[in-house]
Structures are given as C-alpha cells and as structure tokens.
Amino acid sequence: MAWHVNGTYMEACNCDTVCPCVFFSPPTEGDCTVVLGWHIDKGEFGDTTLDGLNVAMLAHSPGNMKDGNWKVALYLDDTADEAQSQALAGIFSGQAGGHLANLGPLIGEVLGARPATIRFDSKSADMKLAVEGLGQAEIAAIEGQGGGIVQLTGHPLAISPGEAATVARSKSTKISDYGLECNVSGKAGLFAPYAYSG
C-alpha cells in the first residue's frame, strides 16, 4: 500500500553535543538512550489520512549504534483511530518499508508499542516533546556564527536523510520507561524536517 508522511522530527539523548552516534562513533557515555518524536504535517497510508498525528520512540544502544542490539519502544498518538494507529505502527516501526526499515537490522529487542498522549511543540529554535508514561524532552538550537543556527548534513546515521539537521542542546531530558532512564540537561539534541514514503 502506497504511503507518505512529512513534517518535523526531533531527538534528545544522553550524549554530549554533537551526538557522535550520528557519525558511527561510540556514544560519549558508553551507551546511548534517546527519545525521538515525529509530528506529521501531511500524511496518507492508502486512503487513511495521518495529518496532525504524532509518534515517539524510545531507544537504547548498549554501545556503538552501528553495532546494533538496540532496545526500542514505540508510542502512537492516542487520538488516532484503529486504521491510523495501524498505519503509524507500520510506518514508524519500519514494517511498511521506507527509510525507517533500514534501522530494522540494528534492533535487538522490541520492548513494546502502545498508544499515548503525545504533545509535540515546535518553535523556530525550540522543540518540546512530552509523552504520557515516558516523560519529556525540551531542546533549543545552538547559536552559531552571526547568531545563526548550526546544522549537520550528510551524516551517515540520519533520521531525516537529505535534510539538514539543526544542532540543539537539551534544556531538559527526563524520560523513564521499560527500565530505561535518562535525566540530563545540556546534552545532545537534533531536529529537522523529514519526508518518508513507501
């Protein structure tokens, strides 16, 4: 079934800025716990509309991310109906193909997938993700030369391939679920537009 989604994504983790995992380097703390969130501006899965919905993911890598053995959990917008929820699960788990399917070989254990109230707030330089039962992360873009933003392009572990990712620093990342925890500030964050299809 043909599908496409586009919008904005963000991530925050326990690594120092900039997260070395995106360059296939070892995490700064030895392991990496990361929360990711996606807001869908426009999306369709066959005849099912996905506009305005949110998805989040919790992931933990025990070492270098390129070596796999990740633990992951998926959180699906609880305002979605059954067809929308199934579509979100297929897309953001990678089971429906598309870019996120590339992460499949790196996943060692799926901890769970469940509906949750997900709030995704984005401003020009700030992002905030709050997930019921998981916690929240708030990041702010790092100020670069001349007051501009700092961006990454072409990094090998990119959630939004083909798009420049804005480098951010966490104001606060407080997440805890499935035995995984991260409570940090001043650590790594990224956000970018994304477009996936399958």
C-alpha atoms as a PDB file:
ATOM      1  CA  MET A   1       0.000   0.000   0.000  1.00  0.00           C
ATOM      2  CA  ALA A   2       1.437   3.375  -1.018  1.00  0.00           C
ATOM      3  CA  TRP A   3       2.045   5.868   1.776  1.00  0.00           C
ATOM      4  CA  HIS A   4       3.885   9.084   2.566  1.00  0.00           C
ATOM      5  CA  VAL A   5       4.407  11.290   5.631  1.00  0.00           C
ATOM      6  CA  ASN A   6       6.234  14.562   6.130  1.00  0.00           C
ATOM      7  CA  GLY A   7       6.678  17.018   8.959  1.00  0.00           C
ATOM      8  CA  THR A   8       9.200  17.719  11.721  1.00  0.00           C
ATOM      9  CA  TYR A   9      11.225  15.342  13.877  1.00  0.00           C
ATOM     10  CA  MET A  10      13.341  15.886  16.996  1.00  0.00           C
ATOM     11  CA  GLU A  11      15.604  13.791  19.180  1.00  0.00           C
ATOM     12  CA  ALA A  12      17.370  14.155  22.519  1.00  0.00           C
ATOM     13  CA  CYS A  13      19.840  11.803  24.174  1.00  0.00           C
ATOM     14  CA  ASN A  14      22.452  11.459  26.908  1.00  0.00           C
ATOM     15  CA  CYS A  15      25.424  12.076  24.592  1.00  0.00           C
ATOM     16  CA  ASP A  16      27.387  15.311  24.556  1.00  0.00           C
ATOM     17  CA  THR A  17      26.603  17.767  21.799  1.00  0.00           C
ATOM     18  CA  VAL A  18      27.048  16.816  18.977  1.00  0.00           C
ATOM     19  CA  CYS A  19      25.974  13.180  19.416  1.00  0.00           C
ATOM     20  CA  PRO A  20      28.838  11.067  17.999  1.00  0.00           C
ATOM     21  CA  CYS A  21      26.407   8.245  17.202  1.00  0.00           C
ATOM     22  CA  VAL A  22      25.312  10.045  14.024  1.00  0.00           C
ATOM     23  CA  PHE A  23      28.882   9.621  12.740  1.00  0.00           C
ATOM     24  CA  PHE A  24      29.014   5.894  13.691  1.00  0.00           C
ATOM     25  CA  SER A  25      31.308   6.766  16.613  1.00  0.00           C
ATOM     26  CA  PRO A  26      30.867   5.383  20.155  1.00  0.00           C
ATOM     27  CA  PRO A  27      28.449   7.241  22.467  1.00  0.00           C
ATOM     28  CA  THR A  28      30.138   9.668  24.839  1.00  0.00           C
ATOM     29  CA  GLU A  29      28.780   7.838  27.913  1.00  0.00           C
ATOM     30  CA  GLY A  30      29.472   4.357  26.556  1.00  0.00           C
ATOM     31  CA  ASP A  31      25.799   3.756  25.808  1.00  0.00           C
ATOM     32  CA  CYS A  32      23.076   5.951  24.338  1.00  0.00           C
ATOM     33  CA  THR A  33      19.499   6.422  25.478  1.00  0.00           C
ATOM     34  CA  VAL A  34      17.499   8.540  23.064  1.00  0.00           C
ATOM     35  CA  VAL A  35      13.929   9.736  22.660  1.00  0.00           C
ATOM     36  CA  LEU A  36      12.665  10.682  19.206  1.00  0.00           C
ATOM     37  CA  GLY A  37       9.450  12.368  18.187  1.00  0.00           C
ATOM     38  CA  TRP A  38       7.748  12.969  14.849  1.00  0.00           C
ATOM     39  CA  HIS A  39       4.931  15.391  14.060  1.00  0.00           C
ATOM     40  CA  ILE A  40       3.115  14.640  10.813  1.00  0.00           C
ATOM     41  CA  ASP A  41       2.076  17.726   8.887  1.00  0.00           C
ATOM     42  CA  LYS A  42       0.748  15.749   5.948  1.00  0.00           C
ATOM     43  CA  GLY A  43       0.430  12.021   5.600  1.00  0.00           C
ATOM     44  CA  GLU A  44      -1.544   9.257   3.942  1.00  0.00           C
ATOM     45  CA  PHE A  45      -1.438   5.472   4.196  1.00  0.00           C
ATOM     46  CA  GLY A  46      -3.573   4.311   1.302  1.00  0.00           C
ATOM     47  CA  ASP A  47      -6.909   6.018   1.975  1.00  0.00           C
ATOM     48  CA  THR A  48      -6.092   6.746   5.626  1.00  0.00           C
ATOM     49  CA  THR A  49      -5.190  10.350   6.449  1.00  0.00           C
ATOM     50  CA  LEU A  50      -2.489  10.912   9.061  1.00  0.00           C
ATOM     51  CA  ASP A  51      -2.361  14.724   9.149  1.00  0.00           C
ATOM     52  CA  GLY A  52      -1.602  16.222  12.558  1.00  0.00           C
ATOM     53  CA  LEU A  53      -0.687  12.980  14.355  1.00  0.00           C
ATOM     54  CA  ASN A  54       2.416  12.371  16.491  1.00  0.00           C
ATOM     55  CA  VAL A  55       4.676   9.387  17.120  1.00  0.00           C
ATOM     56  CA  ALA A  56       7.542   8.880  19.582  1.00  0.00           C
ATOM     57  CA  MET A  57      10.237   6.275  20.077  1.00  0.00           C
ATOM     58  CA  LEU A  58      12.472   5.336  22.991  1.00  0.00           C
ATOM     59  CA  ALA A  59      15.713   3.606  22.041  1.00  0.00           C
ATOM     60  CA  HIS A  60      18.768   2.361  23.872  1.00  0.00           C
ATOM     61  CA  SER A  61      22.055   1.244  22.358  1.00  0.00           C
ATOM     62  CA  PRO A  62      24.476  -0.562  24.687  1.00  0.00           C
ATOM     63  CA  GLY A  63      27.457   0.671  22.684  1.00  0.00           C
ATOM     64  CA  ASN A  64      28.229   1.973  19.232  1.00  0.00           C
ATOM     65  CA  MET A  65      24.870   2.335  17.462  1.00  0.00           C
ATOM     66  CA  LYS A  66      26.193   0.872  14.223  1.00  0.00           C
ATOM     67  CA  ASP A  67      26.793  -2.410  16.061  1.00  0.00           C
ATOM     68  CA  GLY A  68      23.080  -2.866  16.767  1.00  0.00           C
ATOM     69  CA  ASN A  69      21.426  -4.687  19.667  1.00  0.00           C
ATOM     70  CA  TRP A  70      19.146  -1.690  20.266  1.00  0.00           C
ATOM     71  CA  LYS A  71      16.152  -1.870  22.570  1.00  0.00           C
ATOM     72  CA  VAL A  72      13.218   0.167  21.262  1.00  0.00           C
ATOM     73  CA  ALA A  73       9.678   1.100  22.233  1.00  0.00           C
ATOM     74  CA  LEU A  74       7.113   2.881  20.085  1.00  0.00           C
ATOM     75  CA  TYR A  75       4.417   5.325  21.236  1.00  0.00           C
ATOM     76  CA  LEU A  76       1.446   6.013  18.969  1.00  0.00           C
ATOM     77  CA  ASP A  77      -0.816   9.060  19.135  1.00  0.00           C
ATOM     78  CA  ASP A  78      -3.835   8.125  21.239  1.00  0.00           C
ATOM     79  CA  THR A  79      -6.079  10.379  19.171  1.00  0.00           C
ATOM     80  CA  ALA A  80      -5.586   8.055  16.174  1.00  0.00           C
ATOM     81  CA  ASP A  81      -8.384   5.688  15.219  1.00  0.00           C
ATOM     82  CA  GLU A  82      -7.666   1.983  14.601  1.00  0.00           C
ATOM     83  CA  ALA A  83      -6.725   2.393  10.934  1.00  0.00           C
ATOM     84  CA  GLN A  84      -4.495   5.394  11.695  1.00  0.00           C
ATOM     85  CA  SER A  85      -2.828   3.591  14.592  1.00  0.00           C
ATOM     86  CA  GLN A  86      -2.041   0.568  12.427  1.00  0.00           C
ATOM     87  CA  ALA A  87      -0.631   2.857   9.746  1.00  0.00           C
ATOM     88  CA  LEU A  88       1.568   4.709  12.249  1.00  0.00           C
ATOM     89  CA  ALA A  89       2.846   1.430  13.684  1.00  0.00           C
ATOM     90  CA  GLY A  90       3.699   0.126  10.219  1.00  0.00           C
ATOM     91  CA  ILE A  91       5.497   3.274   9.111  1.00  0.00           C
ATOM     92  CA  PHE A  92       7.460   4.124  12.238  1.00  0.00           C
ATOM     93  CA  SER A  93       8.420   0.535  13.071  1.00  0.00           C
ATOM     94  CA  GLY A  94       9.785   0.176   9.543  1.00  0.00           C
ATOM     95  CA  GLN A  95       7.468  -2.753   8.775  1.00  0.00           C
ATOM     96  CA  ALA A  96       5.845  -0.766   5.953  1.00  0.00           C
ATOM     97  CA  GLY A  97       9.214  -0.142   4.311  1.00  0.00           C
ATOM     98  CA  GLY A  98      10.683   3.270   3.651  1.00  0.00           C
ATOM     99  CA  HIS A  99      13.686   4.860   5.353  1.00  0.00           C
ATOM    100  CA  LEU A 100      12.970   3.587   8.863  1.00  0.00           C
ATOM    101  CA  ALA A 101      13.090  -0.011   7.631  1.00  0.00           C
ATOM    102  CA  ASN A 102      16.858   0.497   7.399  1.00  0.00           C
ATOM    103  CA  LEU A 103      17.009   0.517  11.197  1.00  0.00           C
ATOM    104  CA  GLY A 104      15.456  -2.952  11.465  1.00  0.00           C
ATOM    105  CA  PRO A 105      18.736  -4.923  11.431  1.00  0.00           C
ATOM    106  CA  LEU A 106      20.037  -2.782  14.319  1.00  0.00           C
ATOM    107  CA  ILE A 107      17.135  -3.618  16.662  1.00  0.00           C
ATOM    108  CA  GLY A 108      17.742  -6.462  19.074  1.00  0.00           C
ATOM    109  CA  GLU A 109      14.606  -6.195  21.213  1.00  0.00           C
ATOM    110  CA  VAL A 110      11.227  -4.507  20.812  1.00  0.00           C
ATOM    111  CA  LEU A 111      10.114  -3.513  24.295  1.00  0.00           C
ATOM    112  CA  GLY A 112       6.579  -2.603  23.287  1.00  0.00           C
ATOM    113  CA  ALA A 113       4.267  -0.409  21.264  1.00  0.00           C
ATOM    114  CA  ARG A 114       1.323   1.397  22.816  1.00  0.00           C
ATOM    115  CA  PRO A 115      -0.941   4.420  22.450  1.00  0.00           C
ATOM    116  CA  ALA A 116      -0.056   7.532  24.448  1.00  0.00           C
ATOM    117  CA  THR A 117      -0.913  11.185  24.660  1.00  0.00           C
ATOM    118  CA  ILE A 118       1.909  12.863  22.740  1.00  0.00           C
ATOM    119  CA  ARG A 119       2.486  16.601  22.656  1.00  0.00           C
ATOM    120  CA  PHE A 120       4.927  17.945  20.086  1.00  0.00           C
ATOM    121  CA  ASP A 121       5.555  21.692  20.322  1.00  0.00           C
ATOM    122  CA  SER A 122       7.863  23.386  17.852  1.00  0.00           C
ATOM    123  CA  LYS A 123       9.028  26.945  17.565  1.00  0.00           C
ATOM    124  CA  SER A 124      11.692  28.330  15.268  1.00  0.00           C
ATOM    125  CA  ALA A 125      14.598  27.394  17.550  1.00  0.00           C
ATOM    126  CA  ASP A 126      12.995  25.308  20.318  1.00  0.00           C
ATOM    127  CA  MET A 127      11.311  21.918  20.404  1.00  0.00           C
ATOM    128  CA  LYS A 128       9.460  20.120  23.176  1.00  0.00           C
ATOM    129  CA  LEU A 129       8.187  16.549  23.205  1.00  0.00           C
ATOM    130  CA  ALA A 130       6.021  15.178  26.013  1.00  0.00           C
ATOM    131  CA  VAL A 131       4.875  11.541  26.029  1.00  0.00           C
ATOM    132  CA  GLU A 132       2.447  10.132  28.566  1.00  0.00           C
ATOM    133  CA  GLY A 133       4.108   7.425  30.639  1.00  0.00           C
ATOM    134  CA  LEU A 134       7.581   8.183  29.263  1.00  0.00           C
ATOM    135  CA  GLY A 135       8.453  11.793  30.109  1.00  0.00           C
ATOM    136  CA  GLN A 136       9.563  14.779  28.126  1.00  0.00           C
ATOM    137  CA  ALA A 137      12.459  16.401  26.337  1.00  0.00           C
ATOM    138  CA  GLU A 138      12.997  20.059  25.556  1.00  0.00           C
ATOM    139  CA  ILE A 139      15.799  21.216  23.274  1.00  0.00           C
ATOM    140  CA  ALA A 140      16.971  24.566  21.909  1.00  0.00           C
ATOM    141  CA  ALA A 141      19.042  25.275  18.822  1.00  0.00           C
ATOM    142  CA  ILE A 142      22.665  26.200  19.439  1.00  0.00           C
ATOM    143  CA  GLU A 143      23.558  29.709  18.345  1.00  0.00           C
ATOM    144  CA  GLY A 144      26.162  29.698  15.612  1.00  0.00           C
ATOM    145  CA  GLN A 145      28.188  32.287  13.773  1.00  0.00           C
ATOM    146  CA  GLY A 146      26.487  35.634  13.413  1.00  0.00           C
ATOM    147  CA  GLY A 147      23.589  34.441  15.569  1.00  0.00           C
ATOM    148  CA  GLY A 148      22.602  31.787  13.020  1.00  0.00           C
ATOM    149  CA  ILE A 149      21.854  28.122  13.550  1.00  0.00           C
ATOM    150  CA  VAL A 150      24.311  25.229  13.369  1.00  0.00           C
ATOM    151  CA  GLN A 151      23.417  22.382  11.024  1.00  0.00           C
ATOM    152  CA  LEU A 152      24.592  18.883  10.106  1.00  0.00           C
ATOM    153  CA  THR A 153      24.294  17.495   6.614  1.00  0.00           C
ATOM    154  CA  GLY A 154      25.321  14.211   5.086  1.00  0.00           C
ATOM    155  CA  HIS A 155      25.828  12.381   8.408  1.00  0.00           C
ATOM    156  CA  PRO A 156      25.555   8.606   7.950  1.00  0.00           C
ATOM    157  CA  LEU A 157      23.030   7.873  10.736  1.00  0.00           C
ATOM    158  CA  ALA A 158      20.353  10.373   9.697  1.00  0.00           C
ATOM    159  CA  ILE A 159      16.711  10.093  10.739  1.00  0.00           C
ATOM    160  CA  SER A 160      15.824  12.633   8.044  1.00  0.00           C
ATOM    161  CA  PRO A 161      18.045  11.803   5.054  1.00  0.00           C
ATOM    162  CA  GLY A 162      18.541  14.595   2.542  1.00  0.00           C
ATOM    163  CA  GLU A 163      17.624  17.271   5.082  1.00  0.00           C
ATOM    164  CA  ALA A 164      19.933  19.466   7.145  1.00  0.00           C
ATOM    165  CA  ALA A 165      19.528  18.769  10.866  1.00  0.00           C
ATOM    166  CA  THR A 166      19.689  21.675  13.290  1.00  0.00           C
ATOM    167  CA  VAL A 167      22.065  21.052  16.191  1.00  0.00           C
ATOM    168  CA  ALA A 168      20.462  21.660  19.574  1.00  0.00           C
ATOM    169  CA  ARG A 169      21.219  21.291  23.265  1.00  0.00           C
ATOM    170  CA  SER A 170      18.760  19.932  25.781  1.00  0.00           C
ATOM    171  CA  LYS A 171      17.211  22.212  28.329  1.00  0.00           C
ATOM    172  CA  SER A 172      15.954  19.047  29.991  1.00  0.00           C
ATOM    173  CA  THR A 173      15.538  15.403  29.039  1.00  0.00           C
ATOM    174  CA  LYS A 174      13.660  13.374  31.628  1.00  0.00           C
ATOM    175  CA  ILE A 175      12.424  10.005  30.403  1.00  0.00           C
ATOM    176  CA  SER A 176      11.804   6.670  32.111  1.00  0.00           C
ATOM    177  CA  ASP A 177      10.031   3.557  30.817  1.00  0.00           C
ATOM    178  CA  TYR A 178      10.682  -0.157  30.282  1.00  0.00           C
ATOM    179  CA  GLY A 179      13.599   0.040  32.726  1.00  0.00           C
ATOM    180  CA  LEU A 180      15.397   2.693  30.665  1.00  0.00           C
ATOM    181  CA  GLU A 181      16.055   6.135  32.127  1.00  0.00           C
ATOM    182  CA  CYS A 182      17.668   9.387  31.071  1.00  0.00           C
ATOM    183  CA  ASN A 183      17.671  12.511  33.229  1.00  0.00           C
ATOM    184  CA  VAL A 184      20.063  15.083  31.807  1.00  0.00           C
ATOM    185  CA  SER A 185      20.377  18.671  30.675  1.00  0.00           C
ATOM    186  CA  GLY A 186      22.879  20.395  28.430  1.00  0.00           C
ATOM    187  CA  LYS A 187      23.199  17.281  26.282  1.00  0.00           C
ATOM    188  CA  ALA A 188      22.622  16.418  22.628  1.00  0.00           C
ATOM    189  CA  GLY A 189      19.600  17.277  20.512  1.00  0.00           C
ATOM    190  CA  LEU A 190      18.731  17.483  16.828  1.00  0.00           C
ATOM    191  CA  PHE A 191      15.676  18.477  14.821  1.00  0.00           C
ATOM    192  CA  ALA A 192      14.856  18.607  11.140  1.00  0.00           C
ATOM    193  CA  PRO A 193      12.112  18.346   8.566  1.00  0.00           C
ATOM    194  CA  TYR A 194      11.564  14.820   7.275  1.00  0.00           C
ATOM    195  CA  ALA A 195       9.759  13.098   4.415  1.00  0.00           C
ATOM    196  CA  TYR A 196       9.261   9.327   4.253  1.00  0.00           C
ATOM    197  CA  SER A 197       7.402   7.243   1.684  1.00  0.00           C
ATOM    198  CA  GLY A 198       6.859   3.647   0.759  1.00  0.00           C
END
